[in-house]
Protein backbone atom coordinates (compact mmCIF):
# COMPACT_ATOMS: atom_id res chain seq x y z
CA MET A 1 -0.88 -35.98 11.94
CA SER A 2 -4.13 -34.55 13.23
CA THR A 3 -7.30 -34.76 10.94
CA LEU A 4 -10.38 -32.60 10.70
CA ARG A 5 -11.99 -35.57 12.54
CA ASP A 6 -9.56 -35.22 15.44
CA VAL A 7 -10.28 -31.58 15.83
CA ALA A 8 -14.07 -32.17 15.86
CA LEU A 9 -13.72 -34.68 18.62
CA ARG A 10 -11.90 -32.77 20.68
CA ALA A 11 -13.86 -29.54 20.34
CA GLY A 12 -17.25 -31.61 20.64
CA VAL A 13 -18.50 -30.31 17.08
CA SER A 14 -19.13 -31.62 13.71
CA LYS A 15 -16.35 -31.72 11.07
CA SER A 16 -18.58 -29.29 9.01
CA THR A 17 -18.27 -26.96 11.87
CA VAL A 18 -14.64 -27.15 12.18
CA SER A 19 -14.57 -26.38 8.35
CA ASN A 20 -16.61 -23.39 8.78
CA VAL A 21 -14.49 -22.16 11.49
CA ILE A 22 -11.39 -22.67 9.10
CA SER A 23 -12.93 -21.11 5.91
CA ASP A 24 -14.47 -18.44 7.88
CA VAL A 25 -17.46 -18.02 5.10
CA VAL A 26 -20.28 -19.58 7.50
CA PRO A 27 -21.12 -17.77 10.80
CA VAL A 28 -20.28 -19.61 14.01
CA SER A 29 -20.89 -18.70 17.35
CA ALA A 30 -18.03 -16.90 19.39
CA GLY A 31 -18.19 -19.91 21.93
CA THR A 32 -17.91 -22.55 19.37
CA ARG A 33 -15.24 -20.89 17.48
CA LYS A 34 -13.26 -20.37 20.61
CA ARG A 35 -13.41 -24.21 21.26
CA VAL A 36 -12.49 -25.16 17.65
CA GLU A 37 -9.42 -22.66 17.41
CA ALA A 38 -8.17 -24.12 20.98
CA ALA A 39 -8.62 -27.70 19.52
CA ILE A 40 -6.68 -26.65 16.43
CA ALA A 41 -3.90 -25.27 18.64
CA GLU A 42 -3.70 -28.16 21.00
CA LEU A 43 -3.67 -30.77 18.18
CA GLY A 44 -1.40 -28.80 15.79
CA TYR A 45 -3.78 -29.24 13.19
CA ALA A 46 -2.86 -27.85 9.72
CA PRO A 47 -5.50 -27.78 6.98
CA ASN A 48 -4.77 -29.83 3.62
CA ILE A 49 -4.50 -26.79 1.48
CA VAL A 50 -4.27 -28.74 -1.81
CA ALA A 51 -7.26 -30.90 -1.12
CA ARG A 52 -9.25 -27.60 0.10
CA SER A 53 -8.18 -25.85 -3.13
CA LEU A 54 -9.52 -28.86 -5.22
CA ARG A 55 -12.79 -28.90 -3.36
CA SER A 56 -13.33 -25.17 -3.49
CA ARG A 57 -11.79 -24.36 -6.81
CA THR A 58 -9.37 -21.65 -5.14
CA THR A 59 -6.01 -21.49 -4.30
CA PHE A 60 -6.44 -19.73 -1.25
CA ALA A 61 -3.51 -17.26 -2.33
CA LEU A 62 -3.16 -13.67 -3.39
CA GLY A 63 -0.62 -11.89 -5.15
CA LEU A 64 0.92 -8.74 -4.39
CA ILE A 65 2.69 -6.45 -7.18
CA VAL A 66 5.16 -3.81 -5.49
CA PRO A 67 7.03 -1.55 -7.60
CA GLU A 68 9.77 -0.45 -5.21
CA PRO A 69 11.05 -3.31 -2.69
CA THR A 70 13.43 -0.95 -0.89
CA ASN A 71 10.61 1.53 0.05
CA PRO A 72 9.48 1.42 3.48
CA PHE A 73 6.18 2.32 2.29
CA TYR A 74 5.73 -0.63 0.24
CA ALA A 75 6.91 -2.89 3.11
CA MET A 76 4.21 -1.77 5.14
CA VAL A 77 1.49 -2.12 2.57
CA ALA A 78 2.92 -5.90 2.00
CA LEU A 79 2.85 -6.44 5.85
CA GLY A 80 -0.81 -5.13 6.01
CA ALA A 81 -1.74 -7.24 3.23
CA GLU A 82 -0.28 -10.24 4.45
CA ARG A 83 -1.37 -9.90 7.92
CA ALA A 84 -4.96 -9.35 6.81
CA ALA A 85 -4.87 -12.36 4.35
CA HIS A 86 -3.30 -14.70 6.88
CA GLU A 87 -6.14 -13.87 9.44
CA ARG A 88 -8.59 -15.24 6.69
CA GLY A 89 -6.56 -18.49 5.60
CA TYR A 90 -4.72 -16.98 2.56
CA ALA A 91 -1.25 -16.83 1.69
CA VAL A 92 0.32 -13.62 -0.24
CA LEU A 93 2.84 -14.13 -3.00
CA VAL A 94 4.95 -10.72 -3.53
CA ALA A 95 6.36 -9.75 -6.77
CA ASN A 96 8.84 -6.92 -7.02
CA THR A 97 8.92 -5.14 -10.45
CA GLU A 98 10.90 -1.86 -10.03
CA CYS A 99 8.38 -0.44 -12.49
CA GLU A 100 9.97 -2.45 -15.36
CA PRO A 101 7.40 -3.34 -18.02
CA LYS A 102 9.13 -6.60 -18.75
CA THR A 103 9.41 -7.76 -15.20
CA GLU A 104 5.61 -6.58 -14.58
CA ALA A 105 4.59 -8.93 -17.47
CA GLU A 106 6.73 -11.78 -16.01
CA ALA A 107 5.27 -11.19 -12.59
CA VAL A 108 1.70 -11.40 -13.93
CA ALA A 109 2.29 -14.33 -15.75
CA ALA A 110 4.03 -16.06 -12.65
CA LEU A 111 0.72 -15.09 -10.65
CA ILE A 112 -1.62 -16.31 -13.13
CA GLY A 113 0.53 -19.59 -13.44
CA ARG A 114 -0.03 -20.15 -9.84
CA ARG A 115 -3.70 -19.56 -10.00
CA VAL A 116 -3.89 -16.91 -7.55
CA ASP A 117 -7.49 -15.84 -6.52
CA GLY A 118 -6.69 -12.19 -6.61
CA VAL A 119 -4.07 -9.54 -7.23
CA ILE A 120 -3.22 -6.36 -5.26
CA ILE A 121 -1.29 -3.77 -7.40
CA ALA A 122 0.67 -1.28 -5.21
CA GLY A 123 2.09 0.46 -8.18
CA VAL A 124 2.78 -0.06 -11.97
CA SER A 125 4.71 1.62 -14.95
CA GLN A 126 3.60 4.29 -17.18
CA GLY A 127 0.86 3.00 -19.49
CA SER A 128 0.78 -0.55 -17.87
CA ARG A 129 -2.26 -2.37 -18.61
CA ILE A 130 -1.64 -5.46 -16.52
CA HIS A 131 -4.59 -4.83 -14.33
CA GLU A 132 -7.00 -4.93 -17.63
CA LEU A 133 -5.30 -8.34 -18.39
CA LEU A 134 -5.90 -9.80 -15.03
CA LEU A 135 -9.62 -8.51 -15.05
CA GLU A 136 -10.24 -10.04 -18.46
CA ARG A 137 -9.06 -13.35 -17.32
CA GLY A 138 -11.60 -13.04 -14.66
CA THR A 139 -9.12 -12.20 -11.67
CA PRO A 140 -10.10 -9.61 -9.26
CA VAL A 141 -7.69 -6.59 -8.79
CA VAL A 142 -7.36 -3.92 -6.15
CA LEU A 143 -5.04 -0.83 -6.69
CA ALA A 144 -3.55 -0.10 -3.47
CA GLY A 145 -2.55 3.52 -2.89
CA PHE A 146 -3.18 4.79 -6.36
CA GLY A 147 -6.11 5.15 -8.69
CA ALA A 148 -7.14 4.40 -12.46
CA ALA A 149 -10.03 5.64 -14.66
CA GLY A 150 -12.23 3.57 -16.31
CA ASP A 151 -13.04 -0.05 -15.58
CA GLU A 152 -15.79 -0.36 -12.87
CA ARG A 153 -14.73 -3.88 -12.14
CA LEU A 154 -11.49 -2.50 -10.36
CA GLY A 155 -11.10 -2.23 -6.49
CA VAL A 156 -9.12 0.99 -6.00
CA ILE A 157 -7.79 2.36 -2.70
CA ASP A 158 -6.58 5.81 -3.43
CA THR A 159 -4.66 8.49 -1.50
CA ASP A 160 -5.97 12.12 -1.62
CA ASP A 161 -2.68 13.76 -3.25
CA GLU A 162 -4.84 16.89 -3.99
CA GLY A 163 -5.69 17.75 -0.32
CA ALA A 164 -2.19 16.53 0.75
CA MET A 165 -0.34 18.91 -1.57
CA GLU A 166 -2.67 21.58 -0.45
CA GLN A 167 -1.65 21.13 3.25
CA VAL A 168 1.88 20.88 2.39
CA VAL A 169 2.05 23.96 0.43
CA ALA A 170 -0.17 25.86 2.92
CA HIS A 171 2.29 24.90 5.74
CA LEU A 172 5.19 26.08 3.70
CA ALA A 173 3.75 29.29 2.85
CA ALA A 174 2.76 30.02 6.36
CA LEU A 175 6.38 29.94 7.49
CA GLY A 176 7.21 32.46 4.74
CA HIS A 177 8.60 30.36 1.77
CA ARG A 178 8.09 31.57 -1.49
CA ARG A 179 10.54 29.46 -3.78
CA LEU A 180 9.52 26.07 -3.54
CA ALA A 181 10.77 22.81 -5.31
CA PHE A 182 9.46 19.29 -5.91
CA VAL A 183 11.78 16.12 -6.08
CA ARG A 184 10.26 13.74 -8.39
CA HIS A 185 9.96 9.81 -8.26
CA HIS A 186 12.79 8.44 -9.92
CA LEU A 187 10.56 5.54 -11.11
CA ASP A 188 8.46 5.55 -14.37
CA GLU A 189 5.55 5.15 -12.05
CA THR A 190 1.96 5.57 -13.70
CA ALA A 191 0.84 7.83 -10.57
CA GLY A 192 4.37 9.24 -10.38
CA GLU A 193 3.39 12.44 -11.97
CA ARG A 194 0.34 13.31 -10.03
CA ARG A 195 1.73 14.39 -6.78
CA ALA A 196 4.14 16.62 -8.69
CA ALA A 197 1.31 18.16 -10.75
CA GLU A 198 -1.04 18.67 -7.49
CA PHE A 199 2.09 20.41 -5.81
CA ALA A 200 2.52 22.82 -8.76
CA ALA A 201 -1.14 23.67 -8.84
CA ALA A 202 -0.99 24.42 -5.12
CA VAL A 203 1.85 26.54 -5.65
CA ALA A 204 0.40 28.26 -8.51
CA ARG A 205 -2.74 29.04 -6.43
CA ARG A 206 -0.82 30.93 -4.20
CA ASN A 207 1.29 32.80 -6.70
CA LEU A 208 4.40 31.24 -5.44
CA GLN A 209 7.71 30.33 -7.57
CA LEU A 210 8.00 26.65 -8.48
CA VAL A 211 11.55 26.41 -9.11
CA ASP A 212 14.01 23.42 -9.62
CA ALA A 213 15.66 21.57 -6.74
CA ALA A 214 18.97 23.11 -8.00
CA ASP A 215 17.80 26.55 -8.12
CA GLU A 216 18.09 27.63 -4.62
CA PRO A 217 14.68 26.79 -3.36
CA THR A 218 13.82 27.80 0.11
CA ALA A 219 11.77 24.60 0.80
CA ILE A 220 11.58 21.36 -1.09
CA ALA A 221 8.63 18.70 -1.15
CA ALA A 222 9.63 15.30 -2.07
CA HIS A 223 7.51 12.53 -3.48
CA ASN A 224 8.09 10.18 -0.84
CA ASP A 225 9.97 9.91 2.46
CA ALA A 226 12.94 8.07 1.00
CA LEU A 227 13.52 10.87 -1.38
CA ALA A 228 13.12 13.44 1.04
CA ILE A 229 15.71 11.87 3.70
CA ALA A 230 18.17 11.52 0.61
CA THR A 231 17.48 15.45 -0.12
CA ILE A 232 18.04 16.07 3.32
CA ASP A 233 21.49 14.25 3.08
CA ARG A 234 22.41 15.83 0.00
CA LEU A 235 21.75 19.43 1.23
CA GLU A 236 23.75 18.79 4.60
CA ARG A 237 26.75 17.14 2.57
CA ASP A 238 26.54 20.28 0.57
CA GLY A 239 26.85 22.33 3.70
CA ALA A 240 23.26 23.63 3.85
CA THR A 241 21.21 23.30 7.17
CA VAL A 242 17.82 21.62 7.43
CA PRO A 243 15.41 23.53 8.27
CA GLY A 244 17.85 26.51 8.57
CA ASP A 245 18.56 27.05 4.96
CA VAL A 246 16.30 24.69 3.51
CA SER A 247 12.99 23.21 4.59
CA VAL A 248 12.25 19.66 3.46
CA VAL A 249 8.55 17.59 3.26
CA GLY A 250 8.22 14.11 2.65
CA PHE A 251 5.39 11.84 1.97
CA ASP A 252 4.18 8.57 3.61
CA ASP A 253 5.28 8.96 7.17
CA VAL A 254 7.32 5.83 7.15
CA PRO A 255 8.60 4.50 10.46
CA LEU A 256 12.04 6.29 9.85
CA ALA A 257 10.60 9.65 9.46
CA CYS A 258 10.15 10.22 13.22
CA HIS A 259 13.66 9.23 13.89
CA HIS A 260 15.34 11.75 16.46
CA ARG A 261 17.95 12.56 13.80
CA ILE A 262 15.52 13.05 11.04
CA GLU A 263 12.37 14.35 12.56
CA LEU A 264 10.78 14.90 8.96
CA THR A 265 7.62 16.72 8.24
CA THR A 266 5.68 14.54 6.01
CA VAL A 267 2.23 13.51 4.82
CA ARG A 268 0.99 10.43 6.56
CA SER A 269 -0.39 7.75 4.40
CA ASP A 270 -1.00 4.64 6.43
CA GLY A 271 0.38 1.91 4.13
CA ARG A 272 -0.32 -0.88 6.59
CA GLU A 273 -4.01 0.12 6.53
CA ILE A 274 -3.98 0.40 2.76
CA GLY A 275 -2.50 -3.18 2.39
CA ARG A 276 -5.16 -4.43 5.13
CA ARG A 277 -7.96 -2.91 3.41
CA ALA A 278 -6.92 -4.40 0.08
CA SER A 279 -6.76 -7.92 1.29
CA GLN A 280 -10.03 -7.47 2.91
CA LEU A 281 -11.96 -6.15 -0.04
CA LEU A 282 -10.04 -8.76 -2.54
CA ILE A 283 -10.84 -11.67 -0.16
CA ASP A 284 -14.65 -10.42 -0.16
CA ALA A 285 -14.61 -10.42 -3.86
CA VAL A 286 -12.92 -13.81 -4.22
CA ARG A 287 -15.67 -15.60 -1.85
CA ALA A 288 -18.67 -13.60 -3.72
CA GLY A 289 -17.39 -14.99 -6.51
CA GLY A 290 -17.03 -11.38 -8.62
CA PHE A 291 -14.98 -8.25 -8.86
CA VAL A 292 -14.20 -5.99 -6.31
CA ALA A 293 -16.06 -3.04 -8.02
CA HIS A 294 -15.42 -0.41 -5.25
CA ARG A 295 -13.43 2.92 -4.82
CA GLU A 296 -12.35 4.86 -1.75
CA VAL A 297 -10.12 7.67 -1.16
CA HIS A 298 -8.12 7.84 2.28
CA ALA A 299 -7.46 11.24 3.55
CA ALA A 300 -3.84 12.22 4.16
CA GLU A 301 -2.65 14.47 7.27
CA LEU A 302 0.31 16.44 7.41
CA VAL A 303 2.51 15.62 10.46
CA VAL A 304 4.75 18.85 10.99
CA ARG A 305 8.19 17.90 12.59
CA SER A 306 11.65 19.79 12.55
CA SER A 307 12.53 19.47 8.94
CA THR A 308 10.44 22.50 8.20
CA GLY A 309 10.84 26.14 9.75
CA ARG A 310 10.47 29.57 9.11
CA CYS A 311 12.23 30.89 5.54
CA ALA A 312 15.47 32.52 6.48
CA ALA A 313 15.68 34.35 3.12
């Protein structure tokens, strides 16, 4: 197996320079970095992560807690987080919880047991305090795709649900819809009610009717694209047409949303970018030896496709 010394000799640099390129902590000139990376590729060099961890007292691993593994949005968050972490020499351990408190607790215990350097949380159950437990243990945490009040040590990458629901209701109202319904998230997720509440507020501001999905609405908004696509399927199985009889709007703009047979009007929330940003903030905090202590809100954009149309009623 090739060694650090072999790479240094091939690239014509010192071993410490090779280490700096691998760790990406100390700046290295572009030319030198290119030579070192070429030597690593030519020799097939793989750093000894165990030895590296012992020296630096870090594991070069991040945890990612995902509430719903079947939701494509969380798959995109995981992809963005993993790619960004890999580029900086970190691995990502994924725990799927389905918003079950017991499973969440077990996932956190497992991640702590593996001494991950930081944790990204993409969703948790109502009333969960797992982020507080991690922070109290000194583990930096980023909430990805939702927010939480209180602890300033948290990293938060939130989505502008208020602005998003304002766009959705304005679009439906402009199409003449007056009876609107919202399909809620089926999981008991901590941020699950916020989107529904923002939708209801936007409906009330326009003096429109908020009705149950079974009470003949002319337009339905869903908590996410998976629920929106399931709603379209249910409506069409019952003999209704979309958007002829009922317009449907989703949230997230997952890859399937633009499929020719679906063409879902939806709110674009870039899960891959959220995951990438979460890894970036977390690794920066780990390397600085502190907490993330940063909050940002990503704007949401309504993408209009053919699942919405003028109200026929």
